[in-house]
Amino acid sequence: MTGHRVRVVERVGGRLQLRFEQRVEPGTTLDFGRGGSISIGVDPIDDKVSRRAVTVGALRRGWQVAPTNRSGVVLHLWGLSPYPIGRVETVGWHRVGVRVLGDPGLEHWILLEDAADYTSGVDAAATSGTEVTSRPRRLTDEQREAVGVVFGQLLTWPPTVDARVLLIKQAASRVGRSATAVQGRLDGVRAKALALGLGRTPELTDPEYLYVLVRAGYVELRPEDVDPLIA
């Protein structure tokens, strides 16, 4: 993937459907909604989605998202904690899910993807001044497996609504390993987040340390975490 790409996907009856896909140049502005230049919430009709729900502008570095949907708009930066927005937001992240809220039985997503190099480096806010030369080693395959099982729903693309974290015992059962083994691997993962500047020691199933590692580029999107419709 190179450059900026915008996609609209909607989940209807539990099934994801691709409604729109386009590569865009910086300076491009797109309007989304039931009456926007790009339709959202029209098949089936979702009256809770505004006619003008979101305006997205592609920037040279990132995106500008202007929410006007009366039911609300939530930003899901891939691998990070989602948050609602009520005013124009500028974001620089390689995958941004803009969820347009409507009927609880439907999901409306604007997926913003940017492969620019600036989105894949270290987030200074996450490293708290730690020098790049003293950064911890990358996650081992076993550690990444543990992260992918325990925090799997937080790392999907498109994002998972109301994503949940597995308990250690549940994760161990799923991968056929002992709970002690999974716990030991997550201990090592959490230690890397602490070395990057995390100021407290969270529980192993608390995604706070995951967010630090995602921002610092230690946890990347895997092909198996992308829905086949948009892979």
Protein backbone atom coordinates (compact mmCIF):
# COMPACT_ATOMS: atom_id res chain seq x y z
CA MET A 1 0.00 0.00 0.00
CA THR A 2 1.33 3.45 -0.91
CA GLY A 3 -0.10 6.91 -0.23
CA HIS A 4 -3.56 7.80 1.05
CA ARG A 5 -6.54 5.51 0.59
CA VAL A 6 -10.15 5.93 1.73
CA ARG A 7 -12.64 3.11 2.05
CA VAL A 8 -16.21 2.90 3.32
CA VAL A 9 -17.31 -0.40 4.80
CA GLU A 10 -20.56 -1.18 6.57
CA ARG A 11 -21.56 -4.17 8.64
CA VAL A 12 -25.13 -5.27 7.98
CA GLY A 13 -26.54 -8.43 9.55
CA GLY A 14 -23.06 -9.26 10.83
CA ARG A 15 -21.58 -9.16 7.32
CA LEU A 16 -19.02 -6.58 6.24
CA GLN A 17 -19.65 -4.90 2.89
CA LEU A 18 -17.31 -2.65 0.91
CA ARG A 19 -19.21 0.43 -0.33
CA PHE A 20 -16.45 2.71 -1.61
CA GLU A 21 -12.70 2.67 -2.24
CA GLN A 22 -10.45 5.38 -3.63
CA ARG A 23 -6.84 6.52 -3.46
CA VAL A 24 -6.64 10.26 -2.81
CA GLU A 25 -4.01 12.96 -3.08
CA PRO A 26 -3.25 15.49 -0.34
CA GLY A 27 -5.69 18.39 -0.65
CA THR A 28 -8.64 16.13 -1.47
CA THR A 29 -11.82 16.65 0.60
CA LEU A 30 -14.63 14.10 0.77
CA ASP A 31 -18.11 14.39 2.32
CA PHE A 32 -19.80 11.34 3.83
CA GLY A 33 -23.42 10.82 4.91
CA ARG A 34 -26.85 9.90 3.64
CA GLY A 35 -26.74 12.97 1.39
CA GLY A 36 -22.98 13.33 1.03
CA SER A 37 -20.93 12.91 -2.10
CA ILE A 38 -20.05 9.47 -0.69
CA SER A 39 -23.01 7.59 0.74
CA ILE A 40 -23.15 6.07 4.21
CA GLY A 41 -26.25 4.66 5.85
CA VAL A 42 -28.38 4.30 2.72
CA ASP A 43 -28.41 0.51 2.16
CA PRO A 44 -30.37 -0.14 4.28
CA ILE A 45 -31.48 3.36 5.23
CA ASP A 46 -30.22 4.39 8.66
CA ASP A 47 -32.15 7.51 9.68
CA LYS A 48 -29.81 8.04 12.63
CA VAL A 49 -26.97 8.91 10.24
CA SER A 50 -27.00 12.57 9.22
CA ARG A 51 -27.21 13.65 5.60
CA ARG A 52 -23.82 15.29 6.14
CA ALA A 53 -22.10 13.14 8.76
CA VAL A 54 -18.34 13.58 8.30
CA THR A 55 -15.99 15.58 6.12
CA VAL A 56 -12.50 14.16 5.61
CA GLY A 57 -9.56 16.03 4.20
CA ALA A 58 -6.35 14.32 3.10
CA LEU A 59 -3.31 16.23 4.34
CA ARG A 60 0.29 15.83 3.31
CA ARG A 61 0.82 14.30 6.73
CA GLY A 62 -2.34 12.60 7.92
CA TRP A 63 -5.99 13.53 7.84
CA GLN A 64 -8.44 16.18 8.99
CA VAL A 65 -11.77 14.81 10.22
CA ALA A 66 -14.74 17.13 10.77
CA PRO A 67 -17.70 15.42 12.52
CA THR A 68 -21.23 16.68 11.89
CA ASN A 69 -23.20 13.48 12.50
CA ARG A 70 -25.98 14.11 15.01
CA SER A 71 -25.59 10.62 16.52
CA GLY A 72 -21.85 11.06 17.00
CA VAL A 73 -18.51 10.06 15.51
CA VAL A 74 -15.81 7.90 17.14
CA LEU A 75 -12.17 7.72 16.07
CA HIS A 76 -10.42 4.34 16.23
CA LEU A 77 -6.71 4.80 15.58
CA TRP A 78 -5.54 1.26 14.86
CA GLY A 79 -4.17 -0.44 17.98
CA LEU A 80 -5.07 2.46 20.26
CA SER A 81 -8.00 3.35 22.49
CA PRO A 82 -11.02 4.77 20.59
CA TYR A 83 -12.47 8.14 21.51
CA PRO A 84 -15.46 10.27 20.43
CA ILE A 85 -14.88 13.57 18.67
CA GLY A 86 -17.12 16.62 18.60
CA ARG A 87 -14.98 19.05 16.60
CA VAL A 88 -12.41 19.05 13.82
CA GLU A 89 -9.56 16.67 14.57
CA THR A 90 -6.22 16.34 12.79
CA VAL A 91 -4.68 12.89 13.02
CA GLY A 92 -1.45 11.39 11.72
CA TRP A 93 -1.64 7.62 11.96
CA HIS A 94 -1.29 4.84 9.43
CA ARG A 95 -4.81 3.48 9.89
CA VAL A 96 -7.69 5.55 11.23
CA GLY A 97 -11.18 4.11 11.55
CA VAL A 98 -13.89 6.77 11.61
CA ARG A 99 -17.05 5.20 12.99
CA VAL A 100 -20.24 7.05 12.10
CA LEU A 101 -22.75 6.18 14.80
CA GLY A 102 -26.28 5.27 13.82
CA ASP A 103 -28.62 2.36 14.42
CA PRO A 104 -27.03 0.01 17.03
CA GLY A 105 -27.60 -2.92 14.69
CA LEU A 106 -25.45 -1.40 11.94
CA GLU A 107 -21.83 -0.32 11.64
CA HIS A 108 -20.67 2.49 9.37
CA TRP A 109 -16.92 2.91 8.89
CA ILE A 110 -14.73 5.32 6.97
CA LEU A 111 -11.28 3.71 6.84
CA LEU A 112 -8.36 6.07 6.30
CA GLU A 113 -5.05 4.43 5.41
CA ASP A 114 -1.73 6.21 5.03
CA ALA A 115 1.51 4.36 4.38
CA ALA A 116 3.77 7.41 4.71
CA ASP A 117 7.01 6.79 6.57
CA TYR A 118 6.24 9.35 9.26
CA THR A 119 3.43 7.15 10.61
CA SER A 120 5.70 4.16 11.28
CA GLY A 121 8.34 5.70 13.52
CA VAL A 122 8.65 6.20 17.25
CA ASP A 123 6.05 8.30 19.06
CA ALA A 124 8.02 10.66 21.26
CA ALA A 125 5.13 10.90 23.70
CA ALA A 126 5.33 7.17 24.29
CA THR A 127 9.07 7.03 24.81
CA SER A 128 9.21 9.83 27.40
CA GLY A 129 12.65 10.94 26.29
CA THR A 130 14.22 7.47 26.06
CA GLU A 131 17.07 7.53 23.57
CA VAL A 132 16.53 5.51 20.42
CA THR A 133 19.86 3.77 20.97
CA SER A 134 18.64 2.36 24.30
CA ARG A 135 15.32 1.07 23.02
CA PRO A 136 14.47 -2.51 23.97
CA ARG A 137 14.63 -5.34 21.45
CA ARG A 138 11.70 -6.11 19.22
CA LEU A 139 9.04 -8.55 20.39
CA THR A 140 9.87 -12.20 19.84
CA ASP A 141 7.52 -14.33 17.76
CA GLU A 142 6.24 -15.95 20.96
CA GLN A 143 5.58 -12.57 22.58
CA ARG A 144 3.75 -11.32 19.49
CA GLU A 145 1.65 -14.48 19.52
CA ALA A 146 0.67 -13.84 23.15
CA VAL A 147 -0.22 -10.23 22.38
CA GLY A 148 -2.25 -11.30 19.36
CA VAL A 149 -4.31 -13.74 21.38
CA VAL A 150 -4.94 -11.71 24.53
CA PHE A 151 -5.47 -8.39 22.75
CA GLY A 152 -6.60 -9.73 19.38
CA GLN A 153 -9.88 -7.82 19.21
CA LEU A 154 -8.03 -4.55 19.82
CA LEU A 155 -5.80 -5.16 16.80
CA THR A 156 -8.23 -5.96 14.00
CA TRP A 157 -8.78 -3.94 10.85
CA PRO A 158 -11.48 -2.71 10.52
CA PRO A 159 -11.65 -2.15 14.29
CA THR A 160 -13.85 -4.33 16.44
CA VAL A 161 -16.65 -2.47 18.20
CA ASP A 162 -16.66 -3.06 21.97
CA ALA A 163 -13.42 -5.04 21.67
CA ARG A 164 -12.66 -7.32 24.60
CA VAL A 165 -9.47 -8.67 26.12
CA LEU A 166 -9.07 -12.40 26.86
CA LEU A 167 -8.11 -13.64 30.28
CA ILE A 168 -4.73 -15.35 30.52
CA LYS A 169 -6.33 -18.78 31.01
CA GLN A 170 -8.60 -18.25 28.01
CA ALA A 171 -5.67 -17.22 25.84
CA ALA A 172 -3.59 -20.19 26.99
CA SER A 173 -6.39 -22.59 26.14
CA ARG A 174 -6.82 -21.05 22.72
CA VAL A 175 -3.17 -21.51 21.71
CA GLY A 176 -2.61 -24.77 23.55
CA ARG A 177 -0.02 -23.44 25.98
CA SER A 178 0.14 -23.16 29.73
CA ALA A 179 -1.13 -20.05 31.49
CA THR A 180 2.35 -19.70 33.01
CA ALA A 181 3.93 -19.62 29.56
CA VAL A 182 1.53 -16.95 28.28
CA GLN A 183 1.98 -14.90 31.43
CA GLY A 184 5.76 -15.08 31.12
CA ARG A 185 5.65 -13.84 27.53
CA LEU A 186 3.36 -10.96 28.44
CA ASP A 187 5.66 -10.09 31.34
CA GLY A 188 8.41 -9.61 28.80
CA VAL A 189 6.16 -7.51 26.57
CA ARG A 190 5.14 -5.27 29.46
CA ALA A 191 8.79 -4.86 30.46
CA LYS A 192 9.51 -3.39 27.03
CA ALA A 193 6.73 -0.82 27.51
CA LEU A 194 8.18 0.11 30.89
CA ALA A 195 11.59 0.52 29.29
CA LEU A 196 9.99 2.87 26.76
CA GLY A 197 8.76 5.14 29.55
CA LEU A 198 5.42 3.75 30.75
CA GLY A 199 5.03 5.29 34.19
CA ARG A 200 3.24 2.49 36.03
CA THR A 201 3.04 -1.30 35.96
CA PRO A 202 -0.43 -2.28 34.72
CA GLU A 203 -2.03 -5.71 34.94
CA LEU A 204 -1.08 -8.09 32.14
CA THR A 205 -4.56 -7.85 30.65
CA ASP A 206 -4.61 -4.03 30.82
CA PRO A 207 -4.01 -2.72 27.28
CA GLU A 208 -2.25 0.42 28.53
CA TYR A 209 1.16 -1.12 27.86
CA LEU A 210 -0.02 -2.39 24.49
CA TYR A 211 -0.84 1.17 23.43
CA VAL A 212 2.68 2.30 24.30
CA LEU A 213 4.18 -0.47 22.19
CA VAL A 214 1.85 0.20 19.25
CA ARG A 215 2.77 3.88 19.26
CA ALA A 216 6.46 3.01 19.39
CA GLY A 217 6.16 0.66 16.42
CA TYR A 218 6.67 -2.60 18.32
CA VAL A 219 3.28 -4.09 17.43
CA GLU A 220 2.31 -4.00 13.77
CA LEU A 221 -0.77 -5.12 11.91
CA ARG A 222 -0.62 -8.75 10.79
CA PRO A 223 -2.29 -10.02 7.59
CA GLU A 224 -4.47 -12.38 9.62
CA ASP A 225 -5.93 -9.43 11.55
CA VAL A 226 -7.27 -7.76 8.37
CA ASP A 227 -10.75 -8.69 7.21
CA PRO A 228 -10.48 -10.63 3.90
CA LEU A 229 -12.84 -8.16 2.23
CA ILE A 230 -10.19 -5.42 2.36
CA ALA A 231 -6.99 -7.45 2.61
